Amino acid sequence: MKSGLLLLSALFLSASLAGAQQLKIATFDFQKAFSEYYKTKDAEAELQARVATFKKEDQERTNDYRKLAEEAQKLQDGAQDKTLSEGARQERLKAFQTKVQEVQNLQRAIQEFRSTRGRELEERSQRMRQGLIDEITKFVLEAGAKGKYTMVIDKTGRSMTGTPILLYTQDLPDITEEVVRAINATKGAAPKAASANP
């Protein structure tokens, strides 16, 4: 009985070793490909332009807020000015209260603007990033199929605990440069394809 189990175990072990020898694995550096992809640079430039526009608009609104706050302060000072008549002070007090309401409304509008625009920028950034990741992944799959690899492992990948997924490789082919060349070779091709289909 024991010899039968040993023989069976040896057969399973040899079968699994034979199967393991048929594995063809390549590594890939996703971070490098992402940072060297021309569309990543274009997307970052576009995003920076949107951030600059947001900051400019925000600064204009902040300047308007400061101006209104200064006007409100002057009206408050005028409402407390003892050299003015009681009627003039009351008039300035009403104007001050109206101005305070304007300041508060503008403050709420600025907060809403910042929240909305910040959320829009974040969502846009995530969509752009995911689109680029999807495009790069497509090229990795093509390179993997072309090279007849059983699997391609991202050597920059991290586990849920933050530790590297791939700790050690010995003599595994790296397809990063091949993929980077392929994705950047599309730089001139995209506009031509778009103009061919009006």
N, C-alpha and C. Protein backbone atom coordinates (compact mmCIF):
# COMPACT_ATOMS: atom_id res chain seq x y z
N MET A 1 0.83 -1.20 0.00
CA MET A 1 0.00 0.00 0.00
C MET A 1 0.86 1.25 0.00
N LYS A 2 1.92 1.22 0.87
CA LYS A 2 2.79 2.38 0.95
C LYS A 2 3.53 2.60 -0.35
N SER A 3 3.97 1.52 -0.96
CA SER A 3 4.71 1.67 -2.22
C SER A 3 3.80 2.22 -3.31
N GLY A 4 2.53 1.86 -3.28
CA GLY A 4 1.57 2.40 -4.25
C GLY A 4 1.37 3.89 -4.08
N LEU A 5 1.28 4.33 -2.81
CA LEU A 5 1.14 5.77 -2.53
C LEU A 5 2.39 6.53 -2.94
N LEU A 6 3.55 5.94 -2.68
CA LEU A 6 4.80 6.59 -3.08
C LEU A 6 4.88 6.71 -4.59
N LEU A 7 4.48 5.65 -5.30
CA LEU A 7 4.51 5.68 -6.76
C LEU A 7 3.54 6.74 -7.29
N LEU A 8 2.34 6.78 -6.70
CA LEU A 8 1.34 7.76 -7.10
C LEU A 8 1.84 9.18 -6.84
N SER A 9 2.44 9.40 -5.68
CA SER A 9 3.00 10.71 -5.34
C SER A 9 4.10 11.09 -6.31
N ALA A 10 4.96 10.13 -6.64
CA ALA A 10 6.05 10.39 -7.58
C ALA A 10 5.50 10.75 -8.95
N LEU A 11 4.43 10.07 -9.38
CA LEU A 11 3.82 10.39 -10.67
C LEU A 11 3.24 11.80 -10.68
N PHE A 12 2.53 12.17 -9.60
CA PHE A 12 1.97 13.52 -9.51
C PHE A 12 3.07 14.57 -9.51
N LEU A 13 4.13 14.29 -8.76
CA LEU A 13 5.25 15.22 -8.67
C LEU A 13 5.92 15.38 -10.03
N SER A 14 6.16 14.28 -10.73
CA SER A 14 6.80 14.37 -12.04
C SER A 14 5.89 15.06 -13.04
N ALA A 15 4.58 14.81 -12.95
CA ALA A 15 3.64 15.47 -13.85
C ALA A 15 3.59 16.97 -13.59
N SER A 16 3.62 17.34 -12.32
CA SER A 16 3.57 18.78 -12.02
C SER A 16 4.88 19.45 -12.41
N LEU A 17 6.01 18.75 -12.26
CA LEU A 17 7.29 19.31 -12.69
C LEU A 17 7.33 19.46 -14.20
N ALA A 18 6.80 18.47 -14.90
CA ALA A 18 6.76 18.55 -16.37
C ALA A 18 5.88 19.72 -16.80
N GLY A 19 4.76 19.91 -16.10
CA GLY A 19 3.88 21.04 -16.41
C GLY A 19 4.54 22.37 -16.11
N ALA A 20 5.31 22.40 -15.01
CA ALA A 20 5.99 23.64 -14.62
C ALA A 20 7.06 24.00 -15.63
N GLN A 21 7.68 23.01 -16.24
CA GLN A 21 8.72 23.29 -17.22
C GLN A 21 8.13 23.91 -18.48
N GLN A 22 6.86 23.71 -18.72
CA GLN A 22 6.22 24.28 -19.90
C GLN A 22 5.80 25.73 -19.69
N LEU A 23 5.85 26.20 -18.46
CA LEU A 23 5.51 27.59 -18.19
C LEU A 23 6.53 28.51 -18.85
N LYS A 24 6.04 29.56 -19.46
CA LYS A 24 6.92 30.56 -20.05
C LYS A 24 6.46 31.89 -19.47
N ILE A 25 7.28 32.45 -18.59
CA ILE A 25 6.91 33.64 -17.84
C ILE A 25 7.78 34.82 -18.24
N ALA A 26 7.16 35.99 -18.34
CA ALA A 26 7.89 37.23 -18.61
C ALA A 26 7.54 38.24 -17.52
N THR A 27 8.42 39.20 -17.33
CA THR A 27 8.14 40.28 -16.38
C THR A 27 7.89 41.56 -17.15
N PHE A 28 7.26 42.51 -16.46
CA PHE A 28 6.89 43.78 -17.07
C PHE A 28 6.89 44.84 -15.99
N ASP A 29 7.41 46.02 -16.30
CA ASP A 29 7.45 47.15 -15.37
C ASP A 29 6.36 48.14 -15.76
N PHE A 30 5.20 48.01 -15.12
CA PHE A 30 4.04 48.83 -15.48
C PHE A 30 4.30 50.31 -15.20
N GLN A 31 4.95 50.60 -14.08
CA GLN A 31 5.22 52.01 -13.74
C GLN A 31 6.09 52.67 -14.79
N LYS A 32 7.10 51.98 -15.25
CA LYS A 32 7.99 52.54 -16.27
C LYS A 32 7.22 52.77 -17.56
N ALA A 33 6.45 51.79 -17.99
CA ALA A 33 5.67 51.92 -19.22
C ALA A 33 4.69 53.08 -19.10
N PHE A 34 4.05 53.19 -17.95
CA PHE A 34 3.08 54.27 -17.74
C PHE A 34 3.76 55.63 -17.83
N SER A 35 4.89 55.77 -17.17
CA SER A 35 5.57 57.08 -17.15
C SER A 35 6.20 57.42 -18.49
N GLU A 36 6.57 56.43 -19.29
CA GLU A 36 7.22 56.70 -20.57
C GLU A 36 6.23 56.75 -21.74
N TYR A 37 4.97 56.46 -21.49
CA TYR A 37 3.96 56.50 -22.54
C TYR A 37 3.69 57.96 -22.89
N TYR A 38 3.74 58.30 -24.17
CA TYR A 38 3.57 59.70 -24.57
C TYR A 38 2.19 60.24 -24.17
N LYS A 39 1.19 59.38 -24.16
CA LYS A 39 -0.15 59.84 -23.78
C LYS A 39 -0.22 60.20 -22.30
N THR A 40 0.62 59.58 -21.48
CA THR A 40 0.66 59.94 -20.06
C THR A 40 1.13 61.38 -19.92
N LYS A 41 2.17 61.72 -20.65
CA LYS A 41 2.70 63.09 -20.60
C LYS A 41 1.67 64.08 -21.13
N ASP A 42 0.99 63.72 -22.22
CA ASP A 42 -0.06 64.59 -22.77
C ASP A 42 -1.20 64.77 -21.77
N ALA A 43 -1.60 63.68 -21.13
CA ALA A 43 -2.69 63.73 -20.16
C ALA A 43 -2.30 64.58 -18.95
N GLU A 44 -1.07 64.43 -18.50
CA GLU A 44 -0.60 65.23 -17.36
C GLU A 44 -0.57 66.71 -17.72
N ALA A 45 -0.14 67.04 -18.95
CA ALA A 45 -0.10 68.43 -19.39
C ALA A 45 -1.52 69.00 -19.46
N GLU A 46 -2.45 68.22 -19.98
CA GLU A 46 -3.84 68.67 -20.05
C GLU A 46 -4.42 68.89 -18.65
N LEU A 47 -4.13 67.97 -17.77
CA LEU A 47 -4.62 68.07 -16.40
C LEU A 47 -4.03 69.29 -15.70
N GLN A 48 -2.74 69.53 -15.91
CA GLN A 48 -2.10 70.71 -15.31
C GLN A 48 -2.71 72.00 -15.84
N ALA A 49 -3.06 72.03 -17.12
CA ALA A 49 -3.72 73.21 -17.69
C ALA A 49 -5.08 73.42 -17.03
N ARG A 50 -5.81 72.35 -16.80
CA ARG A 50 -7.12 72.46 -16.13
C ARG A 50 -6.96 72.92 -14.68
N VAL A 51 -5.92 72.43 -14.01
CA VAL A 51 -5.66 72.85 -12.64
C VAL A 51 -5.30 74.34 -12.62
N ALA A 52 -4.50 74.78 -13.59
CA ALA A 52 -4.12 76.20 -13.66
C ALA A 52 -5.36 77.08 -13.88
N THR A 53 -6.26 76.63 -14.74
CA THR A 53 -7.51 77.38 -14.98
C THR A 53 -8.34 77.43 -13.71
N PHE A 54 -8.43 76.30 -13.01
CA PHE A 54 -9.17 76.25 -11.75
C PHE A 54 -8.57 77.24 -10.75
N LYS A 55 -7.24 77.23 -10.62
CA LYS A 55 -6.58 78.13 -9.66
C LYS A 55 -6.82 79.59 -10.01
N LYS A 56 -6.81 79.89 -11.31
CA LYS A 56 -7.05 81.28 -11.74
C LYS A 56 -8.48 81.70 -11.39
N GLU A 57 -9.44 80.85 -11.71
CA GLU A 57 -10.84 81.16 -11.38
C GLU A 57 -11.02 81.28 -9.87
N ASP A 58 -10.39 80.39 -9.13
CA ASP A 58 -10.50 80.42 -7.67
C ASP A 58 -9.90 81.71 -7.12
N GLN A 59 -8.77 82.13 -7.68
CA GLN A 59 -8.13 83.37 -7.22
C GLN A 59 -9.02 84.57 -7.51
N GLU A 60 -9.66 84.59 -8.67
CA GLU A 60 -10.58 85.69 -9.01
C GLU A 60 -11.74 85.74 -8.01
N ARG A 61 -12.28 84.60 -7.69
CA ARG A 61 -13.39 84.54 -6.72
C ARG A 61 -12.91 84.95 -5.32
N THR A 62 -11.72 84.53 -4.96
CA THR A 62 -11.16 84.91 -3.66
C THR A 62 -10.93 86.42 -3.59
N ASN A 63 -10.45 86.99 -4.69
CA ASN A 63 -10.26 88.45 -4.74
C ASN A 63 -11.59 89.18 -4.60
N ASP A 64 -12.63 88.68 -5.28
CA ASP A 64 -13.97 89.28 -5.14
C ASP A 64 -14.45 89.18 -3.70
N TYR A 65 -14.18 88.05 -3.07
CA TYR A 65 -14.58 87.85 -1.67
C TYR A 65 -13.88 88.86 -0.77
N ARG A 66 -12.58 89.03 -0.95
CA ARG A 66 -11.84 89.99 -0.13
C ARG A 66 -12.36 91.41 -0.32
N LYS A 67 -12.64 91.73 -1.57
CA LYS A 67 -13.16 93.07 -1.87
C LYS A 67 -14.50 93.29 -1.16
N LEU A 68 -15.39 92.31 -1.25
CA LEU A 68 -16.68 92.42 -0.56
C LEU A 68 -16.50 92.50 0.95
N ALA A 69 -15.58 91.72 1.49
CA ALA A 69 -15.32 91.74 2.94
C ALA A 69 -14.80 93.11 3.38
N GLU A 70 -13.94 93.71 2.56
CA GLU A 70 -13.43 95.06 2.87
C GLU A 70 -14.57 96.08 2.84
N GLU A 71 -15.43 95.96 1.84
CA GLU A 71 -16.58 96.87 1.75
C GLU A 71 -17.48 96.70 2.98
N ALA A 72 -17.70 95.46 3.39
CA ALA A 72 -18.52 95.19 4.57
C ALA A 72 -17.88 95.80 5.81
N GLN A 73 -16.57 95.69 5.92
CA GLN A 73 -15.86 96.26 7.07
C GLN A 73 -16.01 97.78 7.10
N LYS A 74 -15.91 98.43 5.95
CA LYS A 74 -16.07 99.89 5.88
C LYS A 74 -17.49 100.29 6.28
N LEU A 75 -18.47 99.52 5.81
CA LEU A 75 -19.85 99.82 6.18
C LEU A 75 -20.07 99.62 7.68
N GLN A 76 -19.44 98.59 8.25
CA GLN A 76 -19.57 98.37 9.69
C GLN A 76 -18.93 99.53 10.46
N ASP A 77 -17.75 99.94 10.01
CA ASP A 77 -17.09 101.08 10.65
C ASP A 77 -17.96 102.33 10.55
N GLY A 78 -18.58 102.53 9.38
CA GLY A 78 -19.46 103.68 9.19
C GLY A 78 -20.69 103.61 10.08
N ALA A 79 -21.20 102.40 10.31
CA ALA A 79 -22.38 102.23 11.16
C ALA A 79 -22.06 102.53 12.61
N GLN A 80 -20.78 102.47 12.98
CA GLN A 80 -20.37 102.75 14.35
C GLN A 80 -19.75 104.13 14.51
N ASP A 81 -19.69 104.89 13.42
CA ASP A 81 -19.08 106.23 13.44
C ASP A 81 -20.00 107.20 14.18
N LYS A 82 -19.55 107.71 15.33
CA LYS A 82 -20.36 108.61 16.16
C LYS A 82 -20.47 110.00 15.56
N THR A 83 -19.62 110.33 14.57
CA THR A 83 -19.70 111.66 13.95
C THR A 83 -20.86 111.75 12.98
N LEU A 84 -21.41 110.60 12.58
CA LEU A 84 -22.56 110.60 11.67
C LEU A 84 -23.86 110.66 12.47
N SER A 85 -24.88 111.11 11.79
CA SER A 85 -26.19 111.17 12.43
C SER A 85 -26.72 109.75 12.63
N GLU A 86 -27.70 109.62 13.53
CA GLU A 86 -28.29 108.31 13.81
C GLU A 86 -28.89 107.71 12.54
N GLY A 87 -29.53 108.51 11.72
CA GLY A 87 -30.14 108.03 10.46
C GLY A 87 -29.08 107.51 9.50
N ALA A 88 -27.96 108.23 9.41
CA ALA A 88 -26.87 107.80 8.52
C ALA A 88 -26.26 106.50 9.02
N ARG A 89 -26.11 106.39 10.34
CA ARG A 89 -25.56 105.15 10.91
C ARG A 89 -26.50 103.97 10.65
N GLN A 90 -27.80 104.19 10.82
CA GLN A 90 -28.78 103.12 10.57
C GLN A 90 -28.76 102.70 9.09
N GLU A 91 -28.61 103.68 8.23
CA GLU A 91 -28.55 103.39 6.79
C GLU A 91 -27.32 102.52 6.48
N ARG A 92 -26.20 102.88 7.10
CA ARG A 92 -24.96 102.11 6.89
C ARG A 92 -25.07 100.72 7.54
N LEU A 93 -25.77 100.64 8.65
CA LEU A 93 -25.96 99.34 9.30
C LEU A 93 -26.77 98.41 8.40
N LYS A 94 -27.83 98.93 7.77
CA LYS A 94 -28.62 98.12 6.83
C LYS A 94 -27.76 97.70 5.63
N ALA A 95 -26.97 98.65 5.12
CA ALA A 95 -26.09 98.33 3.99
C ALA A 95 -25.05 97.29 4.41
N PHE A 96 -24.56 97.41 5.65
CA PHE A 96 -23.59 96.44 6.17
C PHE A 96 -24.21 95.05 6.24
N GLN A 97 -25.44 94.96 6.76
CA GLN A 97 -26.11 93.66 6.88
C GLN A 97 -26.35 93.03 5.50
N THR A 98 -26.70 93.86 4.53
CA THR A 98 -26.88 93.37 3.16
C THR A 98 -25.55 92.87 2.60
N LYS A 99 -24.49 93.64 2.87
CA LYS A 99 -23.16 93.28 2.37
C LYS A 99 -22.67 91.98 3.03
N VAL A 100 -22.95 91.82 4.32
CA VAL A 100 -22.57 90.59 5.02
C VAL A 100 -23.25 89.39 4.37
N GLN A 101 -24.51 89.56 4.00
CA GLN A 101 -25.24 88.49 3.32
C GLN A 101 -24.57 88.16 1.99
N GLU A 102 -24.15 89.19 1.26
CA GLU A 102 -23.46 88.97 -0.01
C GLU A 102 -22.14 88.22 0.21
N VAL A 103 -21.42 88.62 1.26
CA VAL A 103 -20.14 87.97 1.58
C VAL A 103 -20.38 86.49 1.90
N GLN A 104 -21.39 86.20 2.70
CA GLN A 104 -21.69 84.81 3.06
C GLN A 104 -22.11 83.99 1.84
N ASN A 105 -22.92 84.61 0.98
CA ASN A 105 -23.34 83.91 -0.24
C ASN A 105 -22.14 83.60 -1.14
N LEU A 106 -21.24 84.59 -1.26
CA LEU A 106 -20.06 84.37 -2.09
C LEU A 106 -19.15 83.31 -1.47
N GLN A 107 -19.05 83.32 -0.15
CA GLN A 107 -18.23 82.32 0.54
C GLN A 107 -18.77 80.91 0.27
N ARG A 108 -20.09 80.75 0.35
CA ARG A 108 -20.70 79.45 0.05
C ARG A 108 -20.46 79.06 -1.41
N ALA A 109 -20.59 80.05 -2.30
CA ALA A 109 -20.37 79.77 -3.73
C ALA A 109 -18.93 79.34 -3.98
N ILE A 110 -17.98 79.97 -3.30
CA ILE A 110 -16.57 79.61 -3.46
C ILE A 110 -16.34 78.19 -2.94
N GLN A 111 -16.90 77.86 -1.80
CA GLN A 111 -16.74 76.51 -1.25
C GLN A 111 -17.34 75.46 -2.18
N GLU A 112 -18.51 75.76 -2.72
CA GLU A 112 -19.15 74.83 -3.65
C GLU A 112 -18.33 74.69 -4.93
N PHE A 113 -17.82 75.83 -5.42
CA PHE A 113 -16.97 75.82 -6.62
C PHE A 113 -15.74 74.94 -6.39
N ARG A 114 -15.08 75.13 -5.26
CA ARG A 114 -13.87 74.35 -4.96
C ARG A 114 -14.19 72.86 -4.85
N SER A 115 -15.28 72.56 -4.17
CA SER A 115 -15.66 71.16 -3.99
C SER A 115 -16.02 70.51 -5.33
N THR A 116 -16.86 71.18 -6.10
CA THR A 116 -17.29 70.64 -7.39
C THR A 116 -16.13 70.51 -8.35
N ARG A 117 -15.35 71.57 -8.48
CA ARG A 117 -14.24 71.55 -9.44
C ARG A 117 -13.17 70.55 -9.01
N GLY A 118 -12.90 70.48 -7.72
CA GLY A 118 -11.93 69.51 -7.23
C GLY A 118 -12.36 68.09 -7.52
N ARG A 119 -13.64 67.81 -7.32
CA ARG A 119 -14.19 66.48 -7.61
C ARG A 119 -14.10 66.19 -9.11
N GLU A 120 -14.44 67.20 -9.94
CA GLU A 120 -14.36 67.02 -11.39
C GLU A 120 -12.94 66.70 -11.83
N LEU A 121 -11.97 67.45 -11.28
CA LEU A 121 -10.57 67.22 -11.64
C LEU A 121 -10.11 65.82 -11.21
N GLU A 122 -10.51 65.41 -10.03
CA GLU A 122 -10.13 64.08 -9.53
C GLU A 122 -10.74 62.98 -10.39
N GLU A 123 -12.03 63.12 -10.74
CA GLU A 123 -12.69 62.12 -11.57
C GLU A 123 -12.06 62.06 -12.96
N ARG A 124 -11.76 63.23 -13.50
CA ARG A 124 -11.13 63.29 -14.83
C ARG A 124 -9.76 62.61 -14.79
N SER A 125 -9.00 62.89 -13.74
CA SER A 125 -7.68 62.28 -13.58
C SER A 125 -7.79 60.76 -13.51
N GLN A 126 -8.75 60.27 -12.74
CA GLN A 126 -8.94 58.82 -12.61
C GLN A 126 -9.36 58.18 -13.93
N ARG A 127 -10.27 58.86 -14.67
CA ARG A 127 -10.69 58.33 -15.97
C ARG A 127 -9.52 58.27 -16.95
N MET A 128 -8.73 59.35 -16.98
CA MET A 128 -7.58 59.39 -17.88
C MET A 128 -6.59 58.29 -17.52
N ARG A 129 -6.32 58.16 -16.24
CA ARG A 129 -5.36 57.15 -15.77
C ARG A 129 -5.85 55.75 -16.13
N GLN A 130 -7.13 55.47 -15.87
CA GLN A 130 -7.67 54.15 -16.18
C GLN A 130 -7.63 53.88 -17.67
N GLY A 131 -7.93 54.88 -18.48
CA GLY A 131 -7.86 54.72 -19.94
C GLY A 131 -6.45 54.37 -20.40
N LEU A 132 -5.46 55.04 -19.82
CA LEU A 132 -4.07 54.76 -20.18
C LEU A 132 -3.66 53.35 -19.72
N ILE A 133 -4.08 52.98 -18.53
CA ILE A 133 -3.78 51.64 -18.02
C ILE A 133 -4.40 50.58 -18.94
N ASP A 134 -5.63 50.81 -19.37
CA ASP A 134 -6.30 49.86 -20.26
C ASP A 134 -5.55 49.74 -21.59
N GLU A 135 -5.09 50.88 -22.13
CA GLU A 135 -4.35 50.86 -23.39
C GLU A 135 -3.03 50.09 -23.24
N ILE A 136 -2.31 50.37 -22.17
CA ILE A 136 -1.03 49.68 -21.95
C ILE A 136 -1.26 48.18 -21.76
N THR A 137 -2.30 47.84 -21.01
CA THR A 137 -2.62 46.43 -20.77
C THR A 137 -2.87 45.70 -22.09
N LYS A 138 -3.55 46.37 -23.01
CA LYS A 138 -3.81 45.77 -24.33
C LYS A 138 -2.49 45.42 -25.02
N PHE A 139 -1.52 46.33 -24.96
CA PHE A 139 -0.22 46.07 -25.58
C PHE A 139 0.54 44.96 -24.86
N VAL A 140 0.40 44.89 -23.55
CA VAL A 140 1.05 43.82 -22.78
C VAL A 140 0.47 42.47 -23.20
N LEU A 141 -0.85 42.41 -23.33
CA LEU A 141 -1.50 41.17 -23.75
C LEU A 141 -1.04 40.75 -25.15
N GLU A 142 -0.91 41.74 -26.05
CA GLU A 142 -0.44 41.44 -27.40
C GLU A 142 1.00 40.92 -27.38
N ALA A 143 1.86 41.57 -26.59
CA ALA A 143 3.26 41.14 -26.49
C ALA A 143 3.35 39.76 -25.85
N GLY A 144 2.51 39.50 -24.87
CA GLY A 144 2.49 38.19 -24.22
C GLY A 144 2.07 37.10 -25.18
N ALA A 145 1.04 37.38 -25.98
CA ALA A 145 0.58 36.40 -26.96
C ALA A 145 1.63 36.19 -28.05
N LYS A 146 2.23 37.28 -28.50
CA LYS A 146 3.26 37.20 -29.55
C LYS A 146 4.47 36.38 -29.06
N GLY A 147 4.86 36.59 -27.82
CA GLY A 147 6.00 35.86 -27.26
C GLY A 147 5.63 34.48 -26.74
N LYS A 148 4.35 34.14 -26.84
CA LYS A 148 3.85 32.83 -26.37
C LYS A 148 4.15 32.59 -24.89
N TYR A 149 3.95 33.66 -24.09
CA TYR A 149 4.18 33.55 -22.65
C TYR A 149 2.94 32.98 -21.99
N THR A 150 3.15 32.14 -21.00
CA THR A 150 2.05 31.60 -20.21
C THR A 150 1.50 32.69 -19.31
N MET A 151 2.40 33.52 -18.79
CA MET A 151 1.96 34.64 -17.96
C MET A 151 2.99 35.76 -18.00
N VAL A 152 2.49 36.99 -17.80
CA VAL A 152 3.34 38.17 -17.69
C VAL A 152 3.06 38.76 -16.32
N ILE A 153 4.13 38.97 -15.55
CA ILE A 153 3.98 39.46 -14.18
C ILE A 153 4.50 40.88 -14.09
N ASP A 154 3.68 41.76 -13.51
CA ASP A 154 4.10 43.15 -13.27
C ASP A 154 5.06 43.16 -12.10
N LYS A 155 6.31 43.47 -12.37
CA LYS A 155 7.29 43.42 -11.29
C LYS A 155 7.21 44.61 -10.36
N THR A 156 6.37 45.60 -10.69
CA THR A 156 6.17 46.73 -9.78
C THR A 156 4.89 46.60 -8.98
N GLY A 157 4.17 45.50 -9.21
CA GLY A 157 2.91 45.28 -8.50
C GLY A 157 3.11 45.10 -7.00
N ARG A 158 2.10 45.50 -6.25
CA ARG A 158 2.14 45.38 -4.79
C ARG A 158 0.95 44.57 -4.31
N SER A 159 1.16 43.86 -3.21
CA SER A 159 0.07 43.09 -2.61
C SER A 159 -0.81 44.03 -1.78
N MET A 160 -1.86 43.49 -1.21
CA MET A 160 -2.77 44.30 -0.39
C MET A 160 -2.07 44.83 0.85
N THR A 161 -1.02 44.16 1.28
CA THR A 161 -0.28 44.63 2.46
C THR A 161 0.83 45.60 2.08
N GLY A 162 0.98 45.87 0.79
CA GLY A 162 1.99 46.83 0.34
C GLY A 162 3.33 46.22 0.02
N THR A 163 3.44 44.92 0.16
CA THR A 163 4.71 44.27 -0.15
C THR A 163 4.77 43.93 -1.64
N PRO A 164 5.97 43.87 -2.21
CA PRO A 164 6.08 43.52 -3.63
C PRO A 164 5.54 42.12 -3.89
N ILE A 165 4.84 41.98 -4.99
CA ILE A 165 4.32 40.66 -5.37
C ILE A 165 5.46 39.78 -5.88
N LEU A 166 6.33 40.37 -6.66
CA LEU A 166 7.45 39.63 -7.24
C LEU A 166 8.72 40.02 -6.50
N LEU A 167 9.26 39.09 -5.74
CA LEU A 167 10.44 39.36 -4.93
C LEU A 167 11.73 38.98 -5.63
N TYR A 168 11.67 37.98 -6.47
CA TYR A 168 12.91 37.49 -7.08
C TYR A 168 12.60 36.86 -8.43
N THR A 169 13.44 37.16 -9.41
CA THR A 169 13.35 36.49 -10.70
C THR A 169 14.77 36.16 -11.15
N GLN A 170 14.88 35.08 -11.85
CA GLN A 170 16.19 34.72 -12.39
C GLN A 170 16.03 34.46 -13.87
N ASP A 171 16.66 35.28 -14.65
CA ASP A 171 16.72 35.10 -16.10
C ASP A 171 15.34 35.06 -16.77
N LEU A 172 14.37 35.78 -16.23
CA LEU A 172 13.08 35.86 -16.90
C LEU A 172 13.13 37.00 -17.91
N PRO A 173 12.57 36.79 -19.09
CA PRO A 173 12.56 37.88 -20.06
C PRO A 173 11.70 39.04 -19.55
N ASP A 174 12.12 40.26 -19.89
CA ASP A 174 11.39 41.47 -19.51
C ASP A 174 10.88 42.10 -20.80
N ILE A 175 9.57 42.28 -20.92
CA ILE A 175 8.99 42.81 -22.17
C ILE A 175 8.67 44.30 -22.07
N THR A 176 9.18 44.97 -21.03
CA THR A 176 8.86 46.38 -20.82
C THR A 176 9.25 47.24 -22.02
N GLU A 177 10.49 47.14 -22.45
CA GLU A 177 10.97 47.98 -23.57
C GLU A 177 10.18 47.72 -24.84
N GLU A 178 9.87 46.46 -25.09
CA GLU A 178 9.08 46.10 -26.27
C GLU A 178 7.71 46.79 -26.23
N VAL A 179 7.08 46.77 -25.07
CA VAL A 179 5.76 47.39 -24.93
C VAL A 179 5.86 48.91 -25.03
N VAL A 180 6.87 49.49 -24.40
CA VAL A 180 7.05 50.95 -24.46
C VAL A 180 7.24 51.40 -25.91
N ARG A 181 8.06 50.67 -26.66
CA ARG A 181 8.25 51.01 -28.08
C ARG A 181 6.93 50.90 -28.84
N ALA A 182 6.17 49.85 -28.57
CA ALA A 182 4.91 49.62 -29.28
C ALA A 182 3.88 50.71 -28.96
N ILE A 183 3.75 51.08 -27.69
CA ILE A 183 2.74 52.09 -27.35
C ILE A 183 3.13 53.46 -27.87
N ASN A 184 4.42 53.76 -27.87
CA ASN A 184 4.85 55.07 -28.37
C ASN A 184 4.90 55.12 -29.89
N ALA A 185 4.90 53.97 -30.54
CA ALA A 185 4.85 53.93 -32.00
C ALA A 185 3.48 54.35 -32.51
N THR A 186 2.48 54.37 -31.63
CA THR A 186 1.12 54.77 -32.03
C THR A 186 0.96 56.28 -32.07
N LYS A 187 1.98 57.03 -31.69
CA LYS A 187 1.86 58.49 -31.58
C LYS A 187 1.38 59.13 -32.88
N GLY A 188 1.95 58.76 -33.99
CA GLY A 188 1.53 59.34 -35.26
C GLY A 188 0.34 58.64 -35.87
N ALA A 189 0.04 57.44 -35.44
CA ALA A 189 -1.02 56.64 -36.06
C ALA A 189 -2.42 57.08 -35.65
N ALA A 190 -2.59 57.55 -34.44
CA ALA A 190 -3.94 57.89 -33.94
C ALA A 190 -4.60 58.99 -34.75
N PRO A 191 -3.93 60.14 -35.02
CA PRO A 191 -4.61 61.18 -35.78
C PRO A 191 -4.95 60.75 -37.20
N LYS A 192 -4.10 59.93 -37.84
CA LYS A 192 -4.38 59.48 -39.20
C LYS A 192 -5.62 58.62 -39.23
N ALA A 193 -5.76 57.74 -38.24
CA ALA A 193 -6.93 56.87 -38.18
C ALA A 193 -8.19 57.69 -37.97
N ALA A 194 -8.09 58.73 -37.18
CA ALA A 194 -9.25 59.58 -36.91
C ALA A 194 -9.65 60.35 -38.16
N SER A 195 -8.66 60.84 -38.93
CA SER A 195 -9.00 61.62 -40.12
C SER A 195 -9.50 60.72 -41.25
N ALA A 196 -9.14 59.44 -41.22
CA ALA A 196 -9.60 58.51 -42.24
C ALA A 196 -11.09 58.22 -42.10
N ASN A 197 -11.62 58.36 -40.89
CA ASN A 197 -13.05 58.13 -40.63
C ASN A 197 -13.70 59.43 -40.19
N PRO A 198 -14.09 60.31 -41.15
CA PRO A 198 -14.65 61.61 -40.76
C PRO A 198 -15.97 61.53 -40.07
